């Protein structure tokens, strides 16, 4: 019994040390700054904690639970032997599954913020679904990995993931067909350079001086106005270089 109590106390001390060390490692690696602003971090702050603290405590609790089971075994509790054999295999999987879910949620939130930041200057209504698509795609993959850790059959979920991926590709092809066409036209224009910056051109009804040519649009400026012409229009309607 005294040995069991000693194991329990040692487990509690080791758990405290693991929590403190993991927290320092995560903070030293810059994790708090990296996940700042994510939904998971904001929710954790509302409960008076943080993502780093949750992950660190999770590892400490895992160590403490193991010490409790070892203490019960040392104390020769009759029913614990069979229970320990099952838990010894299953508990690490549960720990990894929970950790994967937390990391997946954090990465999903971060992916949403990253995509929003990258697409902030794109003025297309279809673009608003991309951040959410990135977020929930990461969530779904994390859930698959977590369920696989606890031996839950994920074959049906993998099939659904394939169907989801196909649906995303089809949606992107339909929603962004004009954007993709402009991108393809932009690649052609950049490679062949039928006109350049400073040239006076007429594209359809738009005439002016070329100020900028990028992958999607051409900026044409007149005396008092600036036009943003999709590159696909330059190919479909043709470009006239105006000689001065």
Protein backbone atom coordinates (compact mmCIF):
# COMPACT_ATOMS: atom_id res chain seq x y z
CA UNK A 1 0.00 0.00 0.00
CA UNK A 2 2.81 2.42 0.89
CA UNK A 3 4.54 1.62 -2.38
CA UNK A 4 1.30 2.32 -4.24
CA UNK A 5 0.97 5.70 -2.48
CA UNK A 6 4.59 6.45 -3.38
CA UNK A 7 3.91 5.64 -7.03
CA UNK A 8 0.85 7.91 -6.96
CA UNK A 9 2.81 10.80 -5.44
CA UNK A 10 5.64 10.29 -7.91
CA UNK A 11 3.13 10.28 -10.75
CA UNK A 12 1.59 13.54 -9.50
CA UNK A 13 5.04 15.18 -9.29
CA UNK A 14 6.04 13.88 -12.72
CA UNK A 15 2.73 15.11 -14.14
CA UNK A 16 3.39 18.60 -12.76
CA UNK A 17 6.90 18.60 -14.22
CA UNK A 18 5.69 17.41 -17.64
CA UNK A 19 3.04 20.16 -17.74
CA UNK A 20 5.59 22.86 -16.87
CA UNK A 21 8.23 21.57 -19.31
CA UNK A 22 5.79 21.13 -22.20
CA UNK A 23 4.39 24.60 -21.63
CA UNK A 24 7.89 26.12 -21.74
CA UNK A 25 8.75 24.16 -24.89
CA UNK A 26 5.58 25.27 -26.68
CA UNK A 27 6.02 28.88 -25.62
CA UNK A 28 9.70 28.80 -26.63
CA UNK A 29 8.72 27.46 -30.05
CA UNK A 30 6.45 30.46 -30.60
CA UNK A 31 3.20 28.48 -30.62
CA UNK A 32 1.14 31.17 -28.75
CA UNK A 33 2.03 33.80 -31.37
CA UNK A 34 1.36 31.39 -34.23
CA UNK A 35 -2.16 30.47 -33.12
CA UNK A 36 -3.11 33.95 -31.91
CA UNK A 37 -6.51 34.95 -33.28
CA UNK A 38 -7.79 31.45 -34.05
CA UNK A 39 -11.29 30.51 -32.92
CA UNK A 40 -10.01 27.73 -30.66
CA UNK A 41 -7.61 30.11 -28.91
CA UNK A 42 -10.36 32.71 -28.40
CA UNK A 43 -12.67 30.06 -26.94
CA UNK A 44 -9.92 28.84 -24.63
CA UNK A 45 -9.29 32.41 -23.44
CA UNK A 46 -12.99 32.80 -22.62
CA UNK A 47 -12.61 29.86 -20.21
CA UNK A 48 -9.52 31.41 -18.64
CA UNK A 49 -6.96 29.14 -20.29
CA UNK A 50 -5.10 28.82 -23.60
CA UNK A 51 -4.33 26.27 -26.29
CA UNK A 52 -0.79 25.83 -24.99
CA UNK A 53 -2.07 25.24 -21.45
CA UNK A 54 -4.63 22.68 -22.66
CA UNK A 55 -2.04 20.67 -24.61
CA UNK A 56 0.46 20.82 -21.74
CA UNK A 57 -2.14 19.76 -19.17
CA UNK A 58 -3.37 16.98 -21.43
CA UNK A 59 0.10 15.39 -21.42
CA UNK A 60 0.32 15.83 -17.63
CA UNK A 61 -3.07 14.24 -17.06
CA UNK A 62 -2.02 11.31 -19.27
CA UNK A 63 1.03 10.71 -17.04
CA UNK A 64 -1.07 10.99 -13.87
CA UNK A 65 -3.70 8.52 -15.09
CA UNK A 66 -0.95 6.04 -15.91
CA UNK A 67 0.48 6.47 -12.41
CA UNK A 68 -2.97 5.81 -10.89
CA UNK A 69 -3.26 2.56 -12.84
CA UNK A 70 0.26 1.53 -11.84
CA UNK A 71 -0.52 2.34 -8.19
CA UNK A 72 -3.66 0.20 -8.31
CA UNK A 73 -1.62 -2.65 -9.80
CA UNK A 74 1.03 -2.32 -7.09
CA UNK A 75 -1.72 -2.29 -4.45
CA UNK A 76 -2.85 -5.64 -5.87
CA UNK A 77 -6.42 -4.56 -6.58
CA UNK A 78 -7.95 -7.77 -7.95
CA UNK A 79 -9.88 -6.42 -10.90
CA UNK A 80 -7.17 -4.05 -12.12
CA UNK A 81 -4.95 -6.60 -13.86
CA UNK A 82 -7.27 -7.31 -16.79
CA UNK A 83 -8.38 -3.69 -16.86
CA UNK A 84 -4.76 -2.50 -16.99
CA UNK A 85 -3.95 -4.79 -19.91
CA UNK A 86 -6.70 -3.19 -21.97
CA UNK A 87 -6.09 0.37 -20.84
CA UNK A 88 -2.34 0.15 -21.37
CA UNK A 89 -3.01 -0.33 -25.08
CA UNK A 90 -6.04 1.94 -25.48
CA UNK A 91 -5.10 4.95 -23.32
CA UNK A 92 -2.16 6.15 -25.47
CA UNK A 93 -4.41 5.96 -28.53
CA UNK A 94 -7.05 8.10 -26.82
CA UNK A 95 -4.38 10.62 -25.82
CA UNK A 96 -3.06 10.83 -29.39
CA UNK A 97 -6.61 11.07 -30.80
CA UNK A 98 -7.48 14.02 -28.52
CA UNK A 99 -4.17 15.69 -29.32
CA UNK A 100 -4.74 15.25 -33.07
CA UNK A 101 -8.23 16.77 -32.76
CA UNK A 102 -6.92 19.82 -30.88
CA UNK A 103 -4.07 20.33 -33.34
CA UNK A 104 -6.46 19.83 -36.27
CA UNK A 105 -8.88 22.44 -34.92
CA UNK A 106 -6.05 24.93 -34.36
CA UNK A 107 -4.53 24.32 -37.82
CA UNK A 108 -7.99 24.55 -39.40
CA UNK A 109 -8.63 27.91 -37.75
CA UNK A 110 -5.17 29.10 -38.82
CA UNK A 111 -5.77 27.91 -42.39
CA UNK A 112 -9.01 29.91 -42.49
CA UNK A 113 -7.22 33.08 -41.35
CA UNK A 114 -4.36 32.49 -43.81
CA UNK A 115 -6.68 32.01 -46.81
CA UNK A 116 -8.77 35.05 -45.81
CA UNK A 117 -5.62 37.15 -45.64
CA UNK A 118 -4.38 35.95 -49.02
CA UNK A 119 -7.74 36.53 -50.73
CA UNK A 120 -8.55 39.85 -49.07
CA UNK A 121 -7.92 41.81 -52.26
CA UNK A 122 -9.94 39.50 -54.52
CA UNK A 123 -13.37 41.02 -55.15
CA UNK A 124 -15.31 37.90 -56.06
CA UNK A 125 -18.31 36.60 -54.07
CA UNK A 126 -17.28 32.96 -54.64
CA UNK A 127 -14.00 33.55 -52.82
CA UNK A 128 -15.77 33.83 -49.44
CA UNK A 129 -16.33 30.05 -49.31
CA UNK A 130 -12.63 29.18 -49.73
CA UNK A 131 -11.54 30.01 -46.13
CA UNK A 132 -14.34 27.88 -44.69
CA UNK A 133 -13.53 25.10 -47.16
CA UNK A 134 -9.89 25.08 -46.05
CA UNK A 135 -10.90 25.10 -42.37
CA UNK A 136 -13.36 22.22 -42.50
CA UNK A 137 -11.13 20.17 -44.81
CA UNK A 138 -8.45 20.22 -42.10
CA UNK A 139 -11.09 19.40 -39.45
CA UNK A 140 -12.29 16.42 -41.47
CA UNK A 141 -8.80 14.99 -41.98
CA UNK A 142 -7.99 15.45 -38.29
CA UNK A 143 -11.21 13.65 -37.34
CA UNK A 144 -10.31 10.75 -39.66
CA UNK A 145 -6.86 10.41 -38.09
CA UNK A 146 -8.29 10.64 -34.55
CA UNK A 147 -10.97 8.03 -35.20
CA UNK A 148 -8.39 5.75 -36.78
CA UNK A 149 -6.32 5.97 -33.59
CA UNK A 150 -9.18 4.57 -31.48
CA UNK A 151 -9.87 1.78 -33.98
CA UNK A 152 -13.10 3.24 -35.34
CA UNK A 153 -13.80 2.05 -38.90
CA UNK A 154 -13.19 5.02 -41.17
CA UNK A 155 -13.68 3.42 -44.60
CA UNK A 156 -17.03 5.11 -45.10
CA UNK A 157 -15.58 8.45 -43.98
CA UNK A 158 -12.69 8.08 -46.42
CA UNK A 159 -15.20 7.49 -49.23
CA UNK A 160 -17.06 10.61 -48.11
CA UNK A 161 -13.76 12.50 -48.12
CA UNK A 162 -13.19 11.45 -51.73
CA UNK A 163 -16.72 12.56 -52.65
CA UNK A 164 -16.18 15.84 -50.79
CA UNK A 165 -12.89 16.45 -52.64
CA UNK A 166 -14.55 15.77 -55.99
CA UNK A 167 -17.41 18.14 -55.10
CA UNK A 168 -14.92 20.87 -54.15
CA UNK A 169 -13.06 20.45 -57.44
CA UNK A 170 -16.30 20.61 -59.46
CA UNK A 171 -17.51 23.63 -57.50
CA UNK A 172 -14.20 25.42 -58.02
CA UNK A 173 -14.27 24.65 -61.74
CA UNK A 174 -17.79 26.06 -62.08
CA UNK A 175 -17.48 29.01 -59.71
CA UNK A 176 -14.09 30.17 -60.94
CA UNK A 177 -14.26 29.28 -64.61
CA UNK A 178 -13.99 32.96 -65.63
CA UNK A 179 -11.09 33.46 -63.23
CA UNK A 180 -9.34 30.33 -64.55
CA UNK A 181 -9.89 31.48 -68.12
CA UNK A 182 -8.37 34.87 -67.29
CA UNK A 183 -5.45 33.14 -65.59
CA UNK A 184 -4.78 30.97 -68.65
CA UNK A 185 -5.04 34.03 -70.89
CA UNK A 186 -2.69 35.90 -68.56
CA UNK A 187 -0.08 33.16 -68.84
CA UNK A 188 -0.31 33.39 -72.64
CA UNK A 189 0.02 37.19 -72.59
CA UNK A 190 2.96 37.14 -70.18
CA UNK A 191 4.81 34.55 -72.25
CA UNK A 192 4.16 36.10 -75.68
CA UNK A 193 3.97 39.77 -74.62
CA UNK A 194 1.82 41.15 -77.47
CA UNK A 195 1.83 44.42 -75.55
CA UNK A 196 3.73 45.80 -72.58
CA UNK A 197 3.70 48.53 -69.98
CA UNK A 198 3.57 51.94 -71.63
CA UNK A 199 1.91 50.73 -74.84
CA UNK A 200 -1.29 52.39 -75.97
CA UNK A 201 -3.83 49.67 -76.70
CA UNK A 202 -7.51 49.21 -77.41
CA UNK A 203 -9.22 46.15 -75.89
CA UNK A 204 -12.85 46.03 -76.95
CA UNK A 205 -14.24 49.49 -76.19
CA UNK A 206 -11.44 50.31 -73.75
CA UNK A 207 -8.48 52.39 -74.97
CA UNK A 208 -5.58 53.71 -72.92
CA UNK A 209 -2.01 53.25 -71.72
CA UNK A 210 -1.06 49.86 -70.22
CA UNK A 211 0.04 50.41 -66.60
CA UNK A 212 0.28 46.82 -65.37
CA UNK A 213 -0.19 43.28 -66.63
CA UNK A 214 -0.60 40.43 -64.13
CA UNK A 215 -1.82 36.88 -64.35
CA UNK A 216 -5.53 37.79 -64.29
CA UNK A 217 -6.05 41.39 -65.43
CA UNK A 218 -4.54 44.22 -67.42
CA UNK A 219 -4.65 47.77 -66.01
CA UNK A 220 -5.31 50.33 -68.71
CA UNK A 221 -5.28 54.05 -67.87
CA UNK A 222 -6.79 56.96 -69.78
CA UNK A 223 -6.46 60.64 -68.98
CA UNK A 224 -8.87 60.54 -66.06
CA UNK A 225 -9.85 56.88 -65.57
CA UNK A 226 -8.25 53.48 -65.00
CA UNK A 227 -9.79 50.29 -66.37
CA UNK A 228 -9.17 46.78 -65.06
CA UNK A 229 -9.65 44.48 -68.04
CA UNK A 230 -9.83 40.67 -67.58
CA UNK A 231 -7.13 39.00 -69.63
CA UNK A 232 -9.64 36.61 -71.21
CA UNK A 233 -11.28 39.68 -72.78
CA UNK A 234 -7.96 40.57 -74.39
CA UNK A 235 -7.88 37.17 -76.11
CA UNK A 236 -11.56 36.87 -77.04
CA UNK A 237 -12.00 40.45 -78.31
CA UNK A 238 -8.46 41.01 -79.52
CA UNK A 239 -5.93 43.71 -78.76
CA UNK A 240 -5.21 46.72 -80.98
CA UNK A 241 -1.91 48.51 -80.43
CA UNK A 242 -2.47 52.19 -81.18
CA UNK A 243 0.48 53.91 -82.82
CA UNK A 244 1.00 57.49 -81.78
